[in-house]
Amino acid sequence: MLAFDVYEDRCPTRMVLDRLADKWALLILDRLHDGPVRFNHLRRDIKGISQKVLSQTLKKLERDGLISRQVFATVPVTVEYGLTDLGRTLTDTVAALAHWAERNMDAVVAAQKAYDAAAR
C-alpha cells in the first residue's frame, strides 16, 4: 500500500500534481530535456512567459528537486538550469503530454466547435 493517496484532499501529492499541471512548468521541464539551459535562453524559447513567472516557476521546480541551478562567476553572472535525476524521471511523461497537445489540437478544436454548436 502506498503512503500517499492523491485522492485524499490533504495529501501532499496534490501540491506536486498542481505544479506539474502548470503549463509553464511542463514547458520548462520539456525544454530542459536535452541538457542545461541558461535563464535568458529559456525565456526566448518559451514564448509568452514573463521574466517574473519564469523565475518563480524555476524556483518552485528547484525546491521540488526537479531541476538544479548552477551559477557561473562570469560578468555578468551566468545561470544555467538542468534536470536533476528526479526531474529526468518525468522526461517521457512531460514530453508525451506536451506534444500530445500539438498532435491532437485539430481534434480538440473540432470537439469544442461541435460542443458550442450543440449548446446554442
PDB file of N, CA and C in Angstrom:
ATOM      1  N   MET A   1       0.843  -1.183   0.000  1.00  0.00           N
ATOM      2  CA  MET A   1       0.000   0.000   0.000  1.00  0.00           C
ATOM      3  C   MET A   1       0.889   1.247   0.000  1.00  0.00           C
ATOM      4  N   LEU A   2       0.496   2.253  -0.771  1.00  0.00           N
ATOM      5  CA  LEU A   2       1.266   3.487  -0.864  1.00  0.00           C
ATOM      6  C   LEU A   2       1.046   4.363   0.372  1.00  0.00           C
ATOM      7  N   ALA A   3       2.069   5.112   0.733  1.00  0.00           N
ATOM      8  CA  ALA A   3       1.974   6.005   1.885  1.00  0.00           C
ATOM      9  C   ALA A   3       1.151   7.245   1.570  1.00  0.00           C
ATOM     10  N   PHE A   4       0.995   7.553   0.285  1.00  0.00           N
ATOM     11  CA  PHE A   4       0.266   8.746  -0.132  1.00  0.00           C
ATOM     12  C   PHE A   4      -0.912   8.351  -1.021  1.00  0.00           C
ATOM     13  N   ASP A   5      -1.950   9.145  -0.984  1.00  0.00           N
ATOM     14  CA  ASP A   5      -3.136   8.874  -1.779  1.00  0.00           C
ATOM     15  C   ASP A   5      -3.578  10.177  -2.442  1.00  0.00           C
ATOM     16  N   VAL A   6      -3.390  10.285  -3.745  1.00  0.00           N
ATOM     17  CA  VAL A   6      -3.697  11.516  -4.470  1.00  0.00           C
ATOM     18  C   VAL A   6      -5.170  11.903  -4.410  1.00  0.00           C
ATOM     19  N   TYR A   7      -6.009  10.964  -4.049  1.00  0.00           N
ATOM     20  CA  TYR A   7      -7.439  11.264  -3.976  1.00  0.00           C
ATOM     21  C   TYR A   7      -7.854  11.861  -2.631  1.00  0.00           C
ATOM     22  N   GLU A   8      -6.948  11.862  -1.680  1.00  0.00           N
ATOM     23  CA  GLU A   8      -7.215  12.485  -0.383  1.00  0.00           C
ATOM     24  C   GLU A   8      -6.926  13.974  -0.478  1.00  0.00           C
ATOM     25  N   ASP A   9      -7.842  14.803   0.024  1.00  0.00           N
ATOM     26  CA  ASP A   9      -7.711  16.252  -0.145  1.00  0.00           C
ATOM     27  C   ASP A   9      -6.518  16.867   0.580  1.00  0.00           C
ATOM     28  N   ARG A  10      -6.011  16.224   1.598  1.00  0.00           N
ATOM     29  CA  ARG A  10      -4.875  16.791   2.340  1.00  0.00           C
ATOM     30  C   ARG A  10      -3.542  16.114   2.005  1.00  0.00           C
ATOM     31  N   CYS A  11      -3.551  15.284   1.003  1.00  0.00           N
ATOM     32  CA  CYS A  11      -2.326  14.575   0.619  1.00  0.00           C
ATOM     33  C   CYS A  11      -1.349  15.554  -0.034  1.00  0.00           C
ATOM     34  N   PRO A  12      -0.080  15.544   0.390  1.00  0.00           N
ATOM     35  CA  PRO A  12       0.908  16.469  -0.190  1.00  0.00           C
ATOM     36  C   PRO A  12       1.183  16.224  -1.671  1.00  0.00           C
ATOM     37  N   THR A  13       0.773  15.090  -2.187  1.00  0.00           N
ATOM     38  CA  THR A  13       0.963  14.842  -3.620  1.00  0.00           C
ATOM     39  C   THR A  13       0.164  15.823  -4.463  1.00  0.00           C
ATOM     40  N   ARG A  14      -0.889  16.384  -3.890  1.00  0.00           N
ATOM     41  CA  ARG A  14      -1.698  17.356  -4.620  1.00  0.00           C
ATOM     42  C   ARG A  14      -0.862  18.569  -5.028  1.00  0.00           C
ATOM     43  N   MET A  15       0.051  18.983  -4.153  1.00  0.00           N
ATOM     44  CA  MET A  15       0.922  20.124  -4.460  1.00  0.00           C
ATOM     45  C   MET A  15       1.818  19.795  -5.659  1.00  0.00           C
ATOM     46  N   VAL A  16       2.339  18.590  -5.682  1.00  0.00           N
ATOM     47  CA  VAL A  16       3.199  18.180  -6.794  1.00  0.00           C
ATOM     48  C   VAL A  16       2.386  18.113  -8.087  1.00  0.00           C
ATOM     49  N   LEU A  17       1.186  17.545  -8.014  1.00  0.00           N
ATOM     50  CA  LEU A  17       0.335  17.478  -9.204  1.00  0.00           C
ATOM     51  C   LEU A  17      -0.022  18.877  -9.696  1.00  0.00           C
ATOM     52  N   ASP A  18      -0.281  19.766  -8.761  1.00  0.00           N
ATOM     53  CA  ASP A  18      -0.581  21.147  -9.132  1.00  0.00           C
ATOM     54  C   ASP A  18       0.596  21.774  -9.873  1.00  0.00           C
ATOM     55  N   ARG A  19       1.780  21.549  -9.400  1.00  0.00           N
ATOM     56  CA  ARG A  19       2.977  22.093 -10.041  1.00  0.00           C
ATOM     57  C   ARG A  19       3.142  21.509 -11.442  1.00  0.00           C
ATOM     58  N   LEU A  20       2.978  20.204 -11.565  1.00  0.00           N
ATOM     59  CA  LEU A  20       3.185  19.550 -12.853  1.00  0.00           C
ATOM     60  C   LEU A  20       2.069  19.844 -13.846  1.00  0.00           C
ATOM     61  N   ALA A  21       0.916  20.230 -13.355  1.00  0.00           N
ATOM     62  CA  ALA A  21      -0.199  20.572 -14.245  1.00  0.00           C
ATOM     63  C   ALA A  21      -0.066  21.987 -14.790  1.00  0.00           C
ATOM     64  N   ASP A  22       0.888  22.740 -14.304  1.00  0.00           N
ATOM     65  CA  ASP A  22       1.118  24.111 -14.763  1.00  0.00           C
ATOM     66  C   ASP A  22       1.785  24.084 -16.142  1.00  0.00           C
ATOM     67  N   LYS A  23       1.219  24.823 -17.094  1.00  0.00           N
ATOM     68  CA  LYS A  23       1.767  24.800 -18.458  1.00  0.00           C
ATOM     69  C   LYS A  23       3.219  25.259 -18.498  1.00  0.00           C
ATOM     70  N   TRP A  24       3.560  26.267 -17.698  1.00  0.00           N
ATOM     71  CA  TRP A  24       4.930  26.779 -17.731  1.00  0.00           C
ATOM     72  C   TRP A  24       5.900  25.739 -17.189  1.00  0.00           C
ATOM     73  N   ALA A  25       5.524  25.050 -16.129  1.00  0.00           N
ATOM     74  CA  ALA A  25       6.389  24.010 -15.571  1.00  0.00           C
ATOM     75  C   ALA A  25       6.615  22.900 -16.592  1.00  0.00           C
ATOM     76  N   LEU A  26       5.545  22.484 -17.255  1.00  0.00           N
ATOM     77  CA  LEU A  26       5.682  21.438 -18.277  1.00  0.00           C
ATOM     78  C   LEU A  26       6.610  21.876 -19.403  1.00  0.00           C
ATOM     79  N   LEU A  27       6.437  23.106 -19.860  1.00  0.00           N
ATOM     80  CA  LEU A  27       7.274  23.591 -20.954  1.00  0.00           C
ATOM     81  C   LEU A  27       8.739  23.713 -20.536  1.00  0.00           C
ATOM     82  N   ILE A  28       8.980  24.163 -19.321  1.00  0.00           N
ATOM     83  CA  ILE A  28      10.357  24.273 -18.822  1.00  0.00           C
ATOM     84  C   ILE A  28      10.984  22.886 -18.719  1.00  0.00           C
ATOM     85  N   LEU A  29      10.274  21.959 -18.095  1.00  0.00           N
ATOM     86  CA  LEU A  29      10.812  20.606 -17.945  1.00  0.00           C
ATOM     87  C   LEU A  29      11.081  19.967 -19.300  1.00  0.00           C
ATOM     88  N   ASP A  30      10.180  20.169 -20.242  1.00  0.00           N
ATOM     89  CA  ASP A  30      10.387  19.604 -21.581  1.00  0.00           C
ATOM     90  C   ASP A  30      11.575  20.254 -22.277  1.00  0.00           C
ATOM     91  N   ARG A  31      11.724  21.547 -22.117  1.00  0.00           N
ATOM     92  CA  ARG A  31      12.838  22.268 -22.750  1.00  0.00           C
ATOM     93  C   ARG A  31      14.181  21.834 -22.189  1.00  0.00           C
ATOM     94  N   LEU A  32      14.219  21.447 -20.919  1.00  0.00           N
ATOM     95  CA  LEU A  32      15.473  21.029 -20.283  1.00  0.00           C
ATOM     96  C   LEU A  32      15.841  19.581 -20.603  1.00  0.00           C
ATOM     97  N   HIS A  33      14.994  18.905 -21.341  1.00  0.00           N
ATOM     98  CA  HIS A  33      15.212  17.503 -21.689  1.00  0.00           C
ATOM     99  C   HIS A  33      16.577  17.257 -22.329  1.00  0.00           C
ATOM    100  N   ASP A  34      17.017  18.165 -23.187  1.00  0.00           N
ATOM    101  CA  ASP A  34      18.266  17.952 -23.938  1.00  0.00           C
ATOM    102  C   ASP A  34      19.513  18.442 -23.213  1.00  0.00           C
ATOM    103  N   GLY A  35      19.359  18.989 -22.025  1.00  0.00           N
ATOM    104  CA  GLY A  35      20.527  19.439 -21.267  1.00  0.00           C
ATOM    105  C   GLY A  35      20.309  20.814 -20.669  1.00  0.00           C
ATOM    106  N   PRO A  36      21.267  21.266 -19.873  1.00  0.00           N
ATOM    107  CA  PRO A  36      21.145  22.556 -19.184  1.00  0.00           C
ATOM    108  C   PRO A  36      20.964  23.724 -20.147  1.00  0.00           C
ATOM    109  N   VAL A  37      20.180  24.704 -19.685  1.00  0.00           N
ATOM    110  CA  VAL A  37      19.864  25.882 -20.495  1.00  0.00           C
ATOM    111  C   VAL A  37      19.961  27.113 -19.608  1.00  0.00           C
ATOM    112  N   ARG A  38      20.465  28.193 -20.180  1.00  0.00           N
ATOM    113  CA  ARG A  38      20.554  29.461 -19.455  1.00  0.00           C
ATOM    114  C   ARG A  38      19.180  30.105 -19.324  1.00  0.00           C
ATOM    115  N   PHE A  39      19.028  30.930 -18.292  1.00  0.00           N
ATOM    116  CA  PHE A  39      17.771  31.608 -17.997  1.00  0.00           C
ATOM    117  C   PHE A  39      17.237  32.349 -19.216  1.00  0.00           C
ATOM    118  N   ASN A  40      18.046  33.204 -19.811  1.00  0.00           N
ATOM    119  CA  ASN A  40      17.576  34.011 -20.941  1.00  0.00           C
ATOM    120  C   ASN A  40      17.240  33.163 -22.163  1.00  0.00           C
ATOM    121  N   HIS A  41      17.927  32.054 -22.301  1.00  0.00           N
ATOM    122  CA  HIS A  41      17.618  31.149 -23.412  1.00  0.00           C
ATOM    123  C   HIS A  41      16.239  30.523 -23.194  1.00  0.00           C
ATOM    124  N   LEU A  42      15.947  30.140 -21.954  1.00  0.00           N
ATOM    125  CA  LEU A  42      14.613  29.620 -21.635  1.00  0.00           C
ATOM    126  C   LEU A  42      13.548  30.662 -21.947  1.00  0.00           C
ATOM    127  N   ARG A  43      13.820  31.894 -21.548  1.00  0.00           N
ATOM    128  CA  ARG A  43      12.852  32.966 -21.768  1.00  0.00           C
ATOM    129  C   ARG A  43      12.589  33.191 -23.257  1.00  0.00           C
ATOM    130  N   ARG A  44      13.640  33.098 -24.068  1.00  0.00           N
ATOM    131  CA  ARG A  44      13.471  33.258 -25.522  1.00  0.00           C
ATOM    132  C   ARG A  44      12.737  32.065 -26.136  1.00  0.00           C
ATOM    133  N   ASP A  45      13.041  30.864 -25.655  1.00  0.00           N
ATOM    134  CA  ASP A  45      12.456  29.650 -26.229  1.00  0.00           C
ATOM    135  C   ASP A  45      10.980  29.478 -25.889  1.00  0.00           C
ATOM    136  N   ILE A  46      10.599  29.880 -24.674  1.00  0.00           N
ATOM    137  CA  ILE A  46       9.221  29.675 -24.220  1.00  0.00           C
ATOM    138  C   ILE A  46       8.461  30.985 -24.419  1.00  0.00           C
ATOM    139  N   LYS A  47       7.896  31.125 -25.585  1.00  0.00           N
ATOM    140  CA  LYS A  47       7.213  32.369 -25.962  1.00  0.00           C
ATOM    141  C   LYS A  47       6.048  32.653 -25.016  1.00  0.00           C
ATOM    142  N   GLY A  48       5.935  33.914 -24.595  1.00  0.00           N
ATOM    143  CA  GLY A  48       4.813  34.337 -23.767  1.00  0.00           C
ATOM    144  C   GLY A  48       5.045  34.276 -22.275  1.00  0.00           C
ATOM    145  N   ILE A  49       6.126  33.670 -21.833  1.00  0.00           N
ATOM    146  CA  ILE A  49       6.391  33.607 -20.401  1.00  0.00           C
ATOM    147  C   ILE A  49       7.119  34.882 -19.981  1.00  0.00           C
ATOM    148  N   SER A  50       6.673  35.477 -18.903  1.00  0.00           N
ATOM    149  CA  SER A  50       7.338  36.691 -18.425  1.00  0.00           C
ATOM    150  C   SER A  50       8.565  36.303 -17.601  1.00  0.00           C
ATOM    151  N   GLN A  51       9.456  37.241 -17.435  1.00  0.00           N
ATOM    152  CA  GLN A  51      10.658  37.006 -16.637  1.00  0.00           C
ATOM    153  C   GLN A  51      10.272  36.622 -15.212  1.00  0.00           C
ATOM    154  N   LYS A  52       9.274  37.291 -14.662  1.00  0.00           N
ATOM    155  CA  LYS A  52       8.832  37.033 -13.290  1.00  0.00           C
ATOM    156  C   LYS A  52       8.275  35.617 -13.143  1.00  0.00           C
ATOM    157  N   VAL A  53       7.401  35.219 -14.071  1.00  0.00           N
ATOM    158  CA  VAL A  53       6.794  33.889 -13.999  1.00  0.00           C
ATOM    159  C   VAL A  53       7.847  32.810 -14.225  1.00  0.00           C
ATOM    160  N   LEU A  54       8.766  33.034 -15.143  1.00  0.00           N
ATOM    161  CA  LEU A  54       9.850  32.076 -15.372  1.00  0.00           C
ATOM    162  C   LEU A  54      10.669  31.909 -14.104  1.00  0.00           C
ATOM    163  N   SER A  55      11.046  33.008 -13.485  1.00  0.00           N
ATOM    164  CA  SER A  55      11.830  32.959 -12.264  1.00  0.00           C
ATOM    165  C   SER A  55      11.093  32.225 -11.150  1.00  0.00           C
ATOM    166  N   GLN A  56       9.818  32.541 -10.968  1.00  0.00           N
ATOM    167  CA  GLN A  56       9.016  31.894  -9.920  1.00  0.00           C
ATOM    168  C   GLN A  56       8.877  30.391 -10.172  1.00  0.00           C
ATOM    169  N   THR A  57       8.625  30.027 -11.417  1.00  0.00           N
ATOM    170  CA  THR A  57       8.437  28.619 -11.755  1.00  0.00           C
ATOM    171  C   THR A  57       9.728  27.841 -11.583  1.00  0.00           C
ATOM    172  N   LEU A  58      10.842  28.432 -12.003  1.00  0.00           N
ATOM    173  CA  LEU A  58      12.138  27.772 -11.827  1.00  0.00           C
ATOM    174  C   LEU A  58      12.429  27.540 -10.344  1.00  0.00           C
ATOM    175  N   LYS A  59      12.141  28.518  -9.503  1.00  0.00           N
ATOM    176  CA  LYS A  59      12.372  28.365  -8.057  1.00  0.00           C
ATOM    177  C   LYS A  59      11.528  27.243  -7.476  1.00  0.00           C
ATOM    178  N   LYS A  60      10.276  27.155  -7.892  1.00  0.00           N
ATOM    179  CA  LYS A  60       9.393  26.097  -7.396  1.00  0.00           C
ATOM    180  C   LYS A  60       9.876  24.722  -7.842  1.00  0.00           C
ATOM    181  N   LEU A  61      10.290  24.621  -9.104  1.00  0.00           N
ATOM    182  CA  LEU A  61      10.785  23.341  -9.616  1.00  0.00           C
ATOM    183  C   LEU A  61      12.095  22.946  -8.939  1.00  0.00           C
ATOM    184  N   GLU A  62      12.917  23.942  -8.631  1.00  0.00           N
ATOM    185  CA  GLU A  62      14.163  23.665  -7.919  1.00  0.00           C
ATOM    186  C   GLU A  62      13.853  23.197  -6.491  1.00  0.00           C
ATOM    187  N   ARG A  63      12.920  23.868  -5.840  1.00  0.00           N
ATOM    188  CA  ARG A  63      12.534  23.491  -4.474  1.00  0.00           C
ATOM    189  C   ARG A  63      12.001  22.062  -4.430  1.00  0.00           C
ATOM    190  N   ASP A  64      11.267  21.663  -5.476  1.00  0.00           N
ATOM    191  CA  ASP A  64      10.706  20.309  -5.546  1.00  0.00           C
ATOM    192  C   ASP A  64      11.760  19.262  -5.917  1.00  0.00           C
ATOM    193  N   GLY A  65      12.972  19.707  -6.227  1.00  0.00           N
ATOM    194  CA  GLY A  65      14.036  18.771  -6.570  1.00  0.00           C
ATOM    195  C   GLY A  65      14.001  18.287  -8.003  1.00  0.00           C
ATOM    196  N   LEU A  66      13.262  18.983  -8.861  1.00  0.00           N
ATOM    197  CA  LEU A  66      13.135  18.548 -10.256  1.00  0.00           C
ATOM    198  C   LEU A  66      14.180  19.165 -11.166  1.00  0.00           C
ATOM    199  N   ILE A  67      14.661  20.347 -10.805  1.00  0.00           N
ATOM    200  CA  ILE A  67      15.720  20.985 -11.582  1.00  0.00           C
ATOM    201  C   ILE A  67      16.816  21.468 -10.644  1.00  0.00           C
ATOM    202  N   SER A  68      17.978  21.680 -11.224  1.00  0.00           N
ATOM    203  CA  SER A  68      19.101  22.240 -10.464  1.00  0.00           C
ATOM    204  C   SER A  68      19.498  23.566 -11.094  1.00  0.00           C
ATOM    205  N   ARG A  69      20.076  24.389 -10.281  1.00  0.00           N
ATOM    206  CA  ARG A  69      20.503  25.728 -10.709  1.00  0.00           C
ATOM    207  C   ARG A  69      22.003  25.818 -10.487  1.00  0.00           C
ATOM    208  N   GLN A  70      22.724  26.187 -11.533  1.00  0.00           N
ATOM    209  CA  GLN A  70      24.176  26.331 -11.427  1.00  0.00           C
ATOM    210  C   GLN A  70      24.564  27.749 -11.811  1.00  0.00           C
ATOM    211  N   VAL A  71      25.314  28.402 -10.926  1.00  0.00           N
ATOM    212  CA  VAL A  71      25.749  29.786 -11.138  1.00  0.00           C
ATOM    213  C   VAL A  71      27.216  29.778 -11.525  1.00  0.00           C
ATOM    214  N   PHE A  72      27.549  30.529 -12.579  1.00  0.00           N
ATOM    215  CA  PHE A  72      28.928  30.654 -13.034  1.00  0.00           C
ATOM    216  C   PHE A  72      29.399  32.076 -12.772  1.00  0.00           C
ATOM    217  N   ALA A  73      30.585  32.205 -12.210  1.00  0.00           N
ATOM    218  CA  ALA A  73      31.134  33.514 -11.851  1.00  0.00           C
ATOM    219  C   ALA A  73      31.694  34.217 -13.078  1.00  0.00           C
ATOM    220  N   THR A  74      30.800  34.729 -13.880  1.00  0.00           N
ATOM    221  CA  THR A  74      31.171  35.498 -15.065  1.00  0.00           C
ATOM    222  C   THR A  74      30.626  36.905 -14.892  1.00  0.00           C
ATOM    223  N   VAL A  75      30.989  37.786 -15.800  1.00  0.00           N
ATOM    224  CA  VAL A  75      30.446  39.145 -15.770  1.00  0.00           C
ATOM    225  C   VAL A  75      29.690  39.362 -17.074  1.00  0.00           C
ATOM    226  N   PRO A  76      28.361  39.495 -17.038  1.00  0.00           N
ATOM    227  CA  PRO A  76      27.509  39.309 -15.863  1.00  0.00           C
ATOM    228  C   PRO A  76      27.411  37.833 -15.477  1.00  0.00           C
ATOM    229  N   VAL A  77      26.858  37.556 -14.312  1.00  0.00           N
ATOM    230  CA  VAL A  77      26.724  36.195 -13.801  1.00  0.00           C
ATOM    231  C   VAL A  77      25.889  35.368 -14.773  1.00  0.00           C
ATOM    232  N   THR A  78      26.322  34.154 -15.014  1.00  0.00           N
ATOM    233  CA  THR A  78      25.600  33.224 -15.877  1.00  0.00           C
ATOM    234  C   THR A  78      24.940  32.165 -15.003  1.00  0.00           C
ATOM    235  N   VAL A  79      23.666  31.895 -15.264  1.00  0.00           N
ATOM    236  CA  VAL A  79      22.925  30.881 -14.518  1.00  0.00           C
ATOM    237  C   VAL A  79      22.352  29.874 -15.495  1.00  0.00           C
ATOM    238  N   GLU A  80      22.593  28.603 -15.217  1.00  0.00           N
ATOM    239  CA  GLU A  80      22.060  27.520 -16.038  1.00  0.00           C
ATOM    240  C   GLU A  80      21.143  26.644 -15.201  1.00  0.00           C
ATOM    241  N   TYR A  81      20.120  26.131 -15.848  1.00  0.00           N
ATOM    242  CA  TYR A  81      19.182  25.224 -15.203  1.00  0.00           C
ATOM    243  C   TYR A  81      19.203  23.900 -15.938  1.00  0.00           C
ATOM    244  N   GLY A  82      19.145  22.824 -15.179  1.00  0.00           N
ATOM    245  CA  GLY A  82      19.117  21.489 -15.768  1.00  0.00           C
ATOM    246  C   GLY A  82      18.253  20.565 -14.941  1.00  0.00           C
ATOM    247  N   LEU A  83      17.901  19.451 -15.528  1.00  0.00           N
ATOM    248  CA  LEU A  83      17.102  18.466 -14.814  1.00  0.00           C
ATOM    249  C   LEU A  83      17.956  17.717 -13.801  1.00  0.00           C
ATOM    250  N   THR A  84      17.375  17.424 -12.662  1.00  0.00           N
ATOM    251  CA  THR A  84      18.018  16.549 -11.682  1.00  0.00           C
ATOM    252  C   THR A  84      17.683  15.108 -12.065  1.00  0.00           C
ATOM    253  N   ASP A  85      18.239  14.154 -11.342  1.00  0.00           N
ATOM    254  CA  ASP A  85      17.885  12.757 -11.594  1.00  0.00           C
ATOM    255  C   ASP A  85      16.384  12.555 -11.415  1.00  0.00           C
ATOM    256  N   LEU A  86      15.824  13.177 -10.390  1.00  0.00           N
ATOM    257  CA  LEU A  86      14.383  13.076 -10.156  1.00  0.00           C
ATOM    258  C   LEU A  86      13.612  13.709 -11.315  1.00  0.00           C
ATOM    259  N   GLY A  87      14.056  14.869 -11.768  1.00  0.00           N
ATOM    260  CA  GLY A  87      13.405  15.538 -12.891  1.00  0.00           C
ATOM    261  C   GLY A  87      13.448  14.712 -14.159  1.00  0.00           C
ATOM    262  N   ARG A  88      14.550  13.993 -14.364  1.00  0.00           N
ATOM    263  CA  ARG A  88      14.686  13.148 -15.559  1.00  0.00           C
ATOM    264  C   ARG A  88      13.681  12.001 -15.561  1.00  0.00           C
ATOM    265  N   THR A  89      13.190  11.609 -14.372  1.00  0.00           N
ATOM    266  CA  THR A  89      12.185  10.539 -14.340  1.00  0.00           C
ATOM    267  C   THR A  89      10.864  10.994 -14.960  1.00  0.00           C
ATOM    268  N   LEU A  90      10.702  12.303 -15.125  1.00  0.00           N
ATOM    269  CA  LEU A  90       9.480  12.855 -15.719  1.00  0.00           C
ATOM    270  C   LEU A  90       9.594  13.126 -17.214  1.00  0.00           C
ATOM    271  N   THR A  91      10.771  12.995 -17.773  1.00  0.00           N
ATOM    272  CA  THR A  91      11.037  13.391 -19.154  1.00  0.00           C
ATOM    273  C   THR A  91      10.031  12.816 -20.149  1.00  0.00           C
ATOM    274  N   ASP A  92       9.845  11.509 -20.133  1.00  0.00           N
ATOM    275  CA  ASP A  92       8.942  10.876 -21.102  1.00  0.00           C
ATOM    276  C   ASP A  92       7.492  11.301 -20.873  1.00  0.00           C
ATOM    277  N   THR A  93       7.098  11.389 -19.614  1.00  0.00           N
ATOM    278  CA  THR A  93       5.725  11.773 -19.279  1.00  0.00           C
ATOM    279  C   THR A  93       5.436  13.206 -19.705  1.00  0.00           C
ATOM    280  N   VAL A  94       6.350  14.112 -19.397  1.00  0.00           N
ATOM    281  CA  VAL A  94       6.181  15.527 -19.749  1.00  0.00           C
ATOM    282  C   VAL A  94       6.143  15.699 -21.263  1.00  0.00           C
ATOM    283  N   ALA A  95       7.064  15.058 -21.953  1.00  0.00           N
ATOM    284  CA  ALA A  95       7.103  15.166 -23.416  1.00  0.00           C
ATOM    285  C   ALA A  95       5.825  14.607 -24.031  1.00  0.00           C
ATOM    286  N   ALA A  96       5.365  13.476 -23.509  1.00  0.00           N
ATOM    287  CA  ALA A  96       4.141  12.869 -24.054  1.00  0.00           C
ATOM    288  C   ALA A  96       2.959  13.813 -23.893  1.00  0.00           C
ATOM    289  N   LEU A  97       2.827  14.433 -22.746  1.00  0.00           N
ATOM    290  CA  LEU A  97       1.704  15.339 -22.503  1.00  0.00           C
ATOM    291  C   LEU A  97       1.819  16.611 -23.346  1.00  0.00           C
ATOM    292  N   ALA A  98       2.989  17.220 -23.327  1.00  0.00           N
ATOM    293  CA  ALA A  98       3.176  18.472 -24.070  1.00  0.00           C
ATOM    294  C   ALA A  98       2.968  18.271 -25.572  1.00  0.00           C
ATOM    295  N   HIS A  99       3.516  17.223 -26.099  1.00  0.00           N
ATOM    296  CA  HIS A  99       3.444  17.019 -27.542  1.00  0.00           C
ATOM    297  C   HIS A  99       2.145  16.345 -27.971  1.00  0.00           C
ATOM    298  N   TRP A 100       1.418  15.719 -27.011  1.00  0.00           N
ATOM    299  CA  TRP A 100       0.073  15.224 -27.294  1.00  0.00           C
ATOM    300  C   TRP A 100      -0.796  16.396 -27.732  1.00  0.00           C
ATOM    301  N   ALA A 101      -0.663  17.518 -27.041  1.00  0.00           N
ATOM    302  CA  ALA A 101      -1.454  18.706 -27.377  1.00  0.00           C
ATOM    303  C   ALA A 101      -1.173  19.155 -28.802  1.00  0.00           C
ATOM    304  N   GLU A 102       0.085  19.137 -29.213  1.00  0.00           N
ATOM    305  CA  GLU A 102       0.425  19.526 -30.589  1.00  0.00           C
ATOM    306  C   GLU A 102      -0.229  18.590 -31.608  1.00  0.00           C
ATOM    307  N   ARG A 103      -0.133  17.296 -31.348  1.00  0.00           N
ATOM    308  CA  ARG A 103      -0.647  16.304 -32.299  1.00  0.00           C
ATOM    309  C   ARG A 103      -2.176  16.265 -32.365  1.00  0.00           C
ATOM    310  N   ASN A 104      -2.833  16.640 -31.292  1.00  0.00           N
ATOM    311  CA  ASN A 104      -4.286  16.476 -31.217  1.00  0.00           C
ATOM    312  C   ASN A 104      -5.072  17.781 -31.176  1.00  0.00           C
ATOM    313  N   MET A 105      -4.426  18.894 -31.428  1.00  0.00           N
ATOM    314  CA  MET A 105      -5.096  20.187 -31.326  1.00  0.00           C
ATOM    315  C   MET A 105      -6.246  20.328 -32.311  1.00  0.00           C
ATOM    316  N   ASP A 106      -6.087  19.815 -33.522  1.00  0.00           N
ATOM    317  CA  ASP A 106      -7.175  19.897 -34.502  1.00  0.00           C
ATOM    318  C   ASP A 106      -8.422  19.175 -33.993  1.00  0.00           C
ATOM    319  N   ALA A 107      -8.251  18.006 -33.386  1.00  0.00           N
ATOM    320  CA  ALA A 107      -9.388  17.247 -32.858  1.00  0.00           C
ATOM    321  C   ALA A 107     -10.031  17.972 -31.673  1.00  0.00           C
ATOM    322  N   VAL A 108      -9.216  18.598 -30.839  1.00  0.00           N
ATOM    323  CA  VAL A 108      -9.745  19.350 -29.701  1.00  0.00           C
ATOM    324  C   VAL A 108     -10.565  20.537 -30.186  1.00  0.00           C
ATOM    325  N   VAL A 109     -10.040  21.274 -31.152  1.00  0.00           N
ATOM    326  CA  VAL A 109     -10.766  22.430 -31.702  1.00  0.00           C
ATOM    327  C   VAL A 109     -12.084  21.981 -32.337  1.00  0.00           C
ATOM    328  N   ALA A 110     -12.057  20.880 -33.062  1.00  0.00           N
ATOM    329  CA  ALA A 110     -13.277  20.359 -33.681  1.00  0.00           C
ATOM    330  C   ALA A 110     -14.303  19.973 -32.613  1.00  0.00           C
ATOM    331  N   ALA A 111     -13.842  19.340 -31.539  1.00  0.00           N
ATOM    332  CA  ALA A 111     -14.752  18.965 -30.455  1.00  0.00           C
ATOM    333  C   ALA A 111     -15.342  20.195 -29.781  1.00  0.00           C
ATOM    334  N   GLN A 112     -14.545  21.223 -29.588  1.00  0.00           N
ATOM    335  CA  GLN A 112     -15.039  22.464 -28.988  1.00  0.00           C
ATOM    336  C   GLN A 112     -16.098  23.112 -29.860  1.00  0.00           C
ATOM    337  N   LYS A 113     -15.845  23.159 -31.160  1.00  0.00           N
ATOM    338  CA  LYS A 113     -16.814  23.746 -32.087  1.00  0.00           C
ATOM    339  C   LYS A 113     -18.119  22.965 -32.084  1.00  0.00           C
ATOM    340  N   ALA A 114     -18.018  21.641 -32.078  1.00  0.00           N
ATOM    341  CA  ALA A 114     -19.216  20.793 -32.054  1.00  0.00           C
ATOM    342  C   ALA A 114     -20.000  21.006 -30.759  1.00  0.00           C
ATOM    343  N   TYR A 115     -19.307  21.079 -29.667  1.00  0.00           N
ATOM    344  CA  TYR A 115     -19.955  21.304 -28.366  1.00  0.00           C
ATOM    345  C   TYR A 115     -20.655  22.662 -28.343  1.00  0.00           C
ATOM    346  N   ASP A 116     -19.939  23.699 -28.781  1.00  0.00           N
ATOM    347  CA  ASP A 116     -20.509  25.057 -28.790  1.00  0.00           C
ATOM    348  C   ASP A 116     -21.726  25.135 -29.705  1.00  0.00           C
ATOM    349  N   ALA A 117     -21.669  24.466 -30.848  1.00  0.00           N
ATOM    350  CA  ALA A 117     -22.790  24.481 -31.783  1.00  0.00           C
ATOM    351  C   ALA A 117     -24.004  23.777 -31.180  1.00  0.00           C
ATOM    352  N   ALA A 118     -23.783  22.688 -30.482  1.00  0.00           N
ATOM    353  CA  ALA A 118     -24.886  21.946 -29.866  1.00  0.00           C
ATOM    354  C   ALA A 118     -25.476  22.694 -28.670  1.00  0.00           C
ATOM    355  N   ALA A 119     -24.690  23.541 -28.034  1.00  0.00           N
ATOM    356  CA  ALA A 119     -25.142  24.274 -26.851  1.00  0.00           C
ATOM    357  C   ALA A 119     -25.981  25.494 -27.189  1.00  0.00           C
ATOM    358  N   ARG A 120     -26.026  25.861 -28.439  1.00  0.00           N
ATOM    359  CA  ARG A 120     -26.802  27.053 -28.863  1.00  0.00           C
ATOM    360  C   ARG A 120     -28.263  26.845 -28.820  1.00  0.00           C
TER     361      ARG A 120
END
